[in-house]
């Protein structure tokens, strides 16, 4: 398997893990999964010739819906968390539920 395809497989797996942990409230797991996505994306970017390999370009095109859905989901959840934090700030911790479990 070419190096670019292996890096894309790692990126795909990292996004799958991120999507899985986004269903929970574990902030540490979300941060770990986010860092794994960041490292995997850096690995893909570091392979400068990936754009010239048709197999890699095809695999990336297939993965784009997953990548976009994960990106949108992260933005949506970040916005939701920000709204909950705003509620806590406006009403105090006694009248609003915690954003993350303890």
N, C-alpha and C. Protein backbone atom coordinates (compact mmCIF):
# COMPACT_ATOMS: atom_id res chain seq x y z
N UNK A 1 0.86 -1.17 0.00
CA UNK A 1 0.00 0.00 0.00
C UNK A 1 0.90 1.23 0.00
N UNK A 2 0.63 2.18 -0.90
CA UNK A 2 1.43 3.41 -0.91
C UNK A 2 1.30 4.16 0.41
N UNK A 3 2.33 4.93 0.69
CA UNK A 3 2.38 5.69 1.95
C UNK A 3 1.18 6.62 2.09
N UNK A 4 0.75 7.26 0.98
CA UNK A 4 -0.39 8.17 1.03
C UNK A 4 -1.67 7.46 1.42
N UNK A 5 -1.88 6.25 0.90
CA UNK A 5 -3.09 5.50 1.25
C UNK A 5 -3.08 5.08 2.72
N UNK A 6 -1.91 4.70 3.22
CA UNK A 6 -1.81 4.32 4.64
C UNK A 6 -2.11 5.53 5.53
N UNK A 7 -1.60 6.69 5.15
CA UNK A 7 -1.86 7.91 5.93
C UNK A 7 -3.35 8.25 5.89
N UNK A 8 -3.99 8.07 4.74
CA UNK A 8 -5.43 8.33 4.64
C UNK A 8 -6.23 7.34 5.47
N UNK A 9 -5.79 6.10 5.51
CA UNK A 9 -6.47 5.11 6.36
C UNK A 9 -6.38 5.52 7.83
N UNK A 10 -5.21 6.00 8.24
CA UNK A 10 -5.05 6.49 9.62
C UNK A 10 -5.97 7.67 9.88
N UNK A 11 -6.07 8.58 8.91
CA UNK A 11 -6.96 9.73 9.05
C UNK A 11 -8.41 9.29 9.16
N UNK A 12 -8.81 8.34 8.33
CA UNK A 12 -10.17 7.82 8.37
C UNK A 12 -10.47 7.20 9.74
N UNK A 13 -9.53 6.37 10.23
CA UNK A 13 -9.72 5.75 11.55
C UNK A 13 -9.79 6.79 12.66
N UNK A 14 -8.98 7.84 12.56
CA UNK A 14 -9.00 8.90 13.57
C UNK A 14 -10.34 9.62 13.58
N UNK A 15 -10.90 9.88 12.39
CA UNK A 15 -12.21 10.53 12.32
C UNK A 15 -13.31 9.61 12.84
N UNK A 16 -13.20 8.32 12.56
CA UNK A 16 -14.18 7.37 13.10
C UNK A 16 -14.16 7.38 14.62
N UNK A 17 -12.95 7.39 15.20
CA UNK A 17 -12.83 7.45 16.66
C UNK A 17 -13.41 8.75 17.21
N UNK A 18 -13.14 9.85 16.51
CA UNK A 18 -13.68 11.14 16.95
C UNK A 18 -15.20 11.12 16.93
N UNK A 19 -15.77 10.60 15.87
CA UNK A 19 -17.23 10.53 15.79
C UNK A 19 -17.80 9.68 16.92
N UNK A 20 -17.12 8.61 17.27
CA UNK A 20 -17.60 7.73 18.35
C UNK A 20 -17.59 8.45 19.70
N UNK A 21 -16.51 9.17 20.01
CA UNK A 21 -16.43 9.81 21.32
C UNK A 21 -17.30 11.06 21.41
N UNK A 22 -17.67 11.63 20.28
CA UNK A 22 -18.54 12.80 20.32
C UNK A 22 -19.93 12.46 20.83
N UNK A 23 -20.28 11.18 20.84
CA UNK A 23 -21.58 10.77 21.37
C UNK A 23 -21.62 10.80 22.89
N UNK A 24 -20.47 10.90 23.53
CA UNK A 24 -20.43 10.89 24.99
C UNK A 24 -20.14 12.27 25.55
N UNK A 25 -19.86 12.30 26.87
CA UNK A 25 -19.54 13.58 27.53
C UNK A 25 -18.12 13.60 28.04
N UNK A 26 -17.28 12.69 27.64
CA UNK A 26 -15.93 12.61 28.17
C UNK A 26 -15.03 13.60 27.44
N UNK A 27 -14.78 14.73 28.08
CA UNK A 27 -13.99 15.79 27.45
C UNK A 27 -12.56 15.32 27.15
N UNK A 28 -12.00 14.50 28.04
CA UNK A 28 -10.63 14.01 27.82
C UNK A 28 -10.57 13.10 26.59
N UNK A 29 -11.58 12.24 26.42
CA UNK A 29 -11.61 11.35 25.25
C UNK A 29 -11.80 12.16 23.97
N UNK A 30 -12.61 13.20 24.03
CA UNK A 30 -12.81 14.06 22.86
C UNK A 30 -11.51 14.76 22.50
N UNK A 31 -10.80 15.24 23.51
CA UNK A 31 -9.54 15.92 23.24
C UNK A 31 -8.51 14.96 22.67
N UNK A 32 -8.42 13.75 23.21
CA UNK A 32 -7.49 12.75 22.67
C UNK A 32 -7.81 12.41 21.23
N UNK A 33 -9.09 12.21 20.93
CA UNK A 33 -9.50 11.89 19.56
C UNK A 33 -9.22 13.07 18.63
N UNK A 34 -9.45 14.28 19.10
CA UNK A 34 -9.16 15.47 18.29
C UNK A 34 -7.67 15.58 17.99
N UNK A 35 -6.86 15.29 18.98
CA UNK A 35 -5.40 15.33 18.77
C UNK A 35 -4.97 14.25 17.79
N UNK A 36 -5.60 13.09 17.84
CA UNK A 36 -5.27 12.02 16.89
C UNK A 36 -5.63 12.46 15.47
N UNK A 37 -6.78 13.12 15.30
CA UNK A 37 -7.16 13.63 13.98
C UNK A 37 -6.13 14.64 13.51
N UNK A 38 -5.71 15.52 14.39
CA UNK A 38 -4.73 16.53 14.03
C UNK A 38 -3.42 15.90 13.57
N UNK A 39 -2.94 14.91 14.31
CA UNK A 39 -1.69 14.23 13.93
C UNK A 39 -1.85 13.50 12.60
N UNK A 40 -2.98 12.83 12.40
CA UNK A 40 -3.21 12.10 11.15
C UNK A 40 -3.31 13.06 9.97
N UNK A 41 -3.97 14.20 10.17
CA UNK A 41 -4.07 15.19 9.10
C UNK A 41 -2.70 15.77 8.78
N UNK A 42 -1.88 15.99 9.79
CA UNK A 42 -0.52 16.47 9.55
C UNK A 42 0.30 15.46 8.76
N UNK A 43 0.10 14.18 9.05
CA UNK A 43 0.81 13.14 8.31
C UNK A 43 0.42 13.14 6.84
N UNK A 44 -0.87 13.34 6.56
CA UNK A 44 -1.33 13.39 5.17
C UNK A 44 -0.74 14.61 4.48
N UNK A 45 -0.75 15.76 5.17
CA UNK A 45 -0.20 16.98 4.58
C UNK A 45 1.30 16.86 4.33
N UNK A 46 2.00 16.10 5.20
CA UNK A 46 3.45 15.97 5.08
C UNK A 46 3.86 15.19 3.82
N UNK A 47 2.95 14.40 3.30
CA UNK A 47 3.24 13.65 2.08
C UNK A 47 2.92 14.58 0.92
N UNK A 48 3.92 15.27 0.44
CA UNK A 48 3.71 16.33 -0.53
C UNK A 48 3.21 15.87 -1.89
N UNK A 49 3.50 14.63 -2.26
CA UNK A 49 3.15 14.17 -3.62
C UNK A 49 1.80 13.45 -3.66
N UNK A 50 1.00 13.55 -2.61
CA UNK A 50 -0.24 12.77 -2.58
C UNK A 50 -1.21 13.23 -3.66
N UNK A 51 -1.14 14.48 -4.06
CA UNK A 51 -2.07 14.98 -5.08
C UNK A 51 -1.83 14.35 -6.44
N UNK A 52 -0.63 13.84 -6.68
CA UNK A 52 -0.32 13.28 -7.99
C UNK A 52 -0.65 11.80 -8.09
N UNK A 53 -1.03 11.18 -7.00
CA UNK A 53 -1.36 9.75 -7.01
C UNK A 53 -2.87 9.61 -7.17
N UNK A 54 -3.35 9.10 -8.30
CA UNK A 54 -4.80 8.99 -8.54
C UNK A 54 -5.52 8.13 -7.49
N UNK A 55 -4.87 7.10 -6.99
CA UNK A 55 -5.52 6.24 -5.98
C UNK A 55 -5.76 7.01 -4.69
N UNK A 56 -4.81 7.84 -4.32
CA UNK A 56 -4.94 8.64 -3.10
C UNK A 56 -6.03 9.70 -3.27
N UNK A 57 -6.03 10.35 -4.44
CA UNK A 57 -7.05 11.36 -4.71
C UNK A 57 -8.45 10.73 -4.70
N UNK A 58 -8.58 9.55 -5.27
CA UNK A 58 -9.87 8.85 -5.27
C UNK A 58 -10.31 8.49 -3.86
N UNK A 59 -9.38 7.96 -3.05
CA UNK A 59 -9.71 7.59 -1.66
C UNK A 59 -10.12 8.82 -0.88
N UNK A 60 -9.43 9.93 -1.08
CA UNK A 60 -9.77 11.16 -0.37
C UNK A 60 -11.14 11.67 -0.79
N UNK A 61 -11.45 11.56 -2.07
CA UNK A 61 -12.78 11.97 -2.55
C UNK A 61 -13.88 11.14 -1.91
N UNK A 62 -13.63 9.87 -1.72
CA UNK A 62 -14.61 8.99 -1.07
C UNK A 62 -14.76 9.36 0.40
N UNK A 63 -13.66 9.78 1.04
CA UNK A 63 -13.69 10.10 2.47
C UNK A 63 -14.27 11.48 2.77
N UNK A 64 -14.35 12.35 1.80
CA UNK A 64 -14.77 13.74 2.06
C UNK A 64 -16.11 13.86 2.79
N UNK A 65 -17.14 13.08 2.45
CA UNK A 65 -18.39 13.22 3.21
C UNK A 65 -18.20 12.92 4.71
N UNK A 66 -17.39 11.91 5.04
CA UNK A 66 -17.13 11.60 6.45
C UNK A 66 -16.39 12.75 7.11
N UNK A 67 -15.38 13.27 6.43
CA UNK A 67 -14.60 14.36 7.01
C UNK A 67 -15.46 15.59 7.22
N UNK A 68 -16.29 15.91 6.24
CA UNK A 68 -17.17 17.08 6.37
C UNK A 68 -18.20 16.88 7.46
N UNK A 69 -18.77 15.68 7.56
CA UNK A 69 -19.78 15.46 8.60
C UNK A 69 -19.17 15.56 9.98
N UNK A 70 -17.96 15.06 10.16
CA UNK A 70 -17.29 15.17 11.46
C UNK A 70 -16.98 16.62 11.77
N UNK A 71 -16.52 17.38 10.79
CA UNK A 71 -16.21 18.80 11.00
C UNK A 71 -17.46 19.57 11.40
N UNK A 72 -18.55 19.32 10.71
CA UNK A 72 -19.81 20.01 11.03
C UNK A 72 -20.31 19.62 12.41
N UNK A 73 -20.18 18.34 12.73
CA UNK A 73 -20.64 17.87 14.04
C UNK A 73 -19.83 18.50 15.17
N UNK A 74 -18.52 18.61 14.98
CA UNK A 74 -17.67 19.24 15.99
C UNK A 74 -18.09 20.70 16.18
N UNK A 75 -18.32 21.41 15.09
CA UNK A 75 -18.74 22.81 15.19
C UNK A 75 -20.10 22.93 15.89
N UNK A 76 -21.02 22.04 15.57
CA UNK A 76 -22.34 22.06 16.20
C UNK A 76 -22.24 21.79 17.69
N UNK A 77 -21.47 20.79 18.07
CA UNK A 77 -21.32 20.47 19.49
C UNK A 77 -20.58 21.57 20.24
N UNK A 78 -19.60 22.20 19.59
CA UNK A 78 -18.89 23.31 20.23
C UNK A 78 -19.85 24.47 20.47
N UNK A 79 -20.72 24.74 19.50
CA UNK A 79 -21.71 25.80 19.66
C UNK A 79 -22.68 25.47 20.78
N UNK A 80 -23.10 24.21 20.83
CA UNK A 80 -24.02 23.77 21.89
C UNK A 80 -23.36 23.93 23.26
N UNK A 81 -22.11 23.53 23.37
CA UNK A 81 -21.39 23.68 24.64
C UNK A 81 -21.25 25.15 25.01
N UNK A 82 -20.97 25.98 24.03
CA UNK A 82 -20.85 27.42 24.30
C UNK A 82 -22.17 28.00 24.81
N UNK A 83 -23.29 27.54 24.23
CA UNK A 83 -24.59 28.02 24.68
C UNK A 83 -24.85 27.57 26.12
N UNK A 84 -24.48 26.35 26.44
CA UNK A 84 -24.68 25.86 27.81
C UNK A 84 -23.80 26.62 28.80
N UNK A 85 -22.58 26.93 28.37
CA UNK A 85 -21.71 27.73 29.24
C UNK A 85 -22.27 29.13 29.44
N UNK A 86 -22.87 29.69 28.41
CA UNK A 86 -23.49 31.01 28.53
C UNK A 86 -24.66 30.96 29.52
N UNK A 87 -25.41 29.88 29.50
CA UNK A 87 -26.51 29.72 30.46
C UNK A 87 -25.96 29.67 31.87
N UNK A 88 -24.87 28.91 32.06
CA UNK A 88 -24.25 28.83 33.38
C UNK A 88 -23.79 30.21 33.84
N UNK A 89 -23.19 30.95 32.94
CA UNK A 89 -22.69 32.28 33.30
C UNK A 89 -23.84 33.23 33.63
N UNK A 90 -24.93 33.11 32.89
CA UNK A 90 -26.06 34.03 33.09
C UNK A 90 -26.88 33.69 34.33
N UNK A 91 -27.03 32.41 34.63
CA UNK A 91 -27.93 32.01 35.71
C UNK A 91 -27.23 31.38 36.90
N UNK A 92 -25.98 31.13 36.78
CA UNK A 92 -25.26 30.51 37.88
C UNK A 92 -25.33 29.00 37.81
N UNK A 93 -24.39 28.35 38.41
CA UNK A 93 -24.27 26.89 38.34
C UNK A 93 -25.40 26.18 39.06
N UNK A 94 -26.11 26.83 39.96
CA UNK A 94 -27.18 26.17 40.71
C UNK A 94 -28.43 25.92 39.86
N UNK A 95 -28.65 26.76 38.84
CA UNK A 95 -29.90 26.62 38.07
C UNK A 95 -29.70 26.05 36.69
N UNK A 96 -28.48 25.75 36.26
CA UNK A 96 -28.24 25.18 34.93
C UNK A 96 -27.45 23.88 35.08
N UNK A 97 -27.72 22.88 34.24
CA UNK A 97 -27.00 21.60 34.34
C UNK A 97 -25.54 21.79 33.90
N UNK A 98 -24.69 20.89 34.36
CA UNK A 98 -23.28 20.94 33.98
C UNK A 98 -23.13 20.64 32.49
N UNK A 99 -22.18 21.30 31.87
CA UNK A 99 -21.90 21.06 30.46
C UNK A 99 -21.30 19.69 30.25
N UNK A 100 -20.36 19.30 31.10
CA UNK A 100 -19.74 17.98 31.03
C UNK A 100 -19.95 17.28 32.35
N UNK A 101 -20.09 15.96 32.28
CA UNK A 101 -20.22 15.18 33.51
C UNK A 101 -18.90 15.17 34.26
N UNK A 102 -18.99 14.84 35.51
CA UNK A 102 -17.76 14.78 36.33
C UNK A 102 -17.48 13.36 36.71
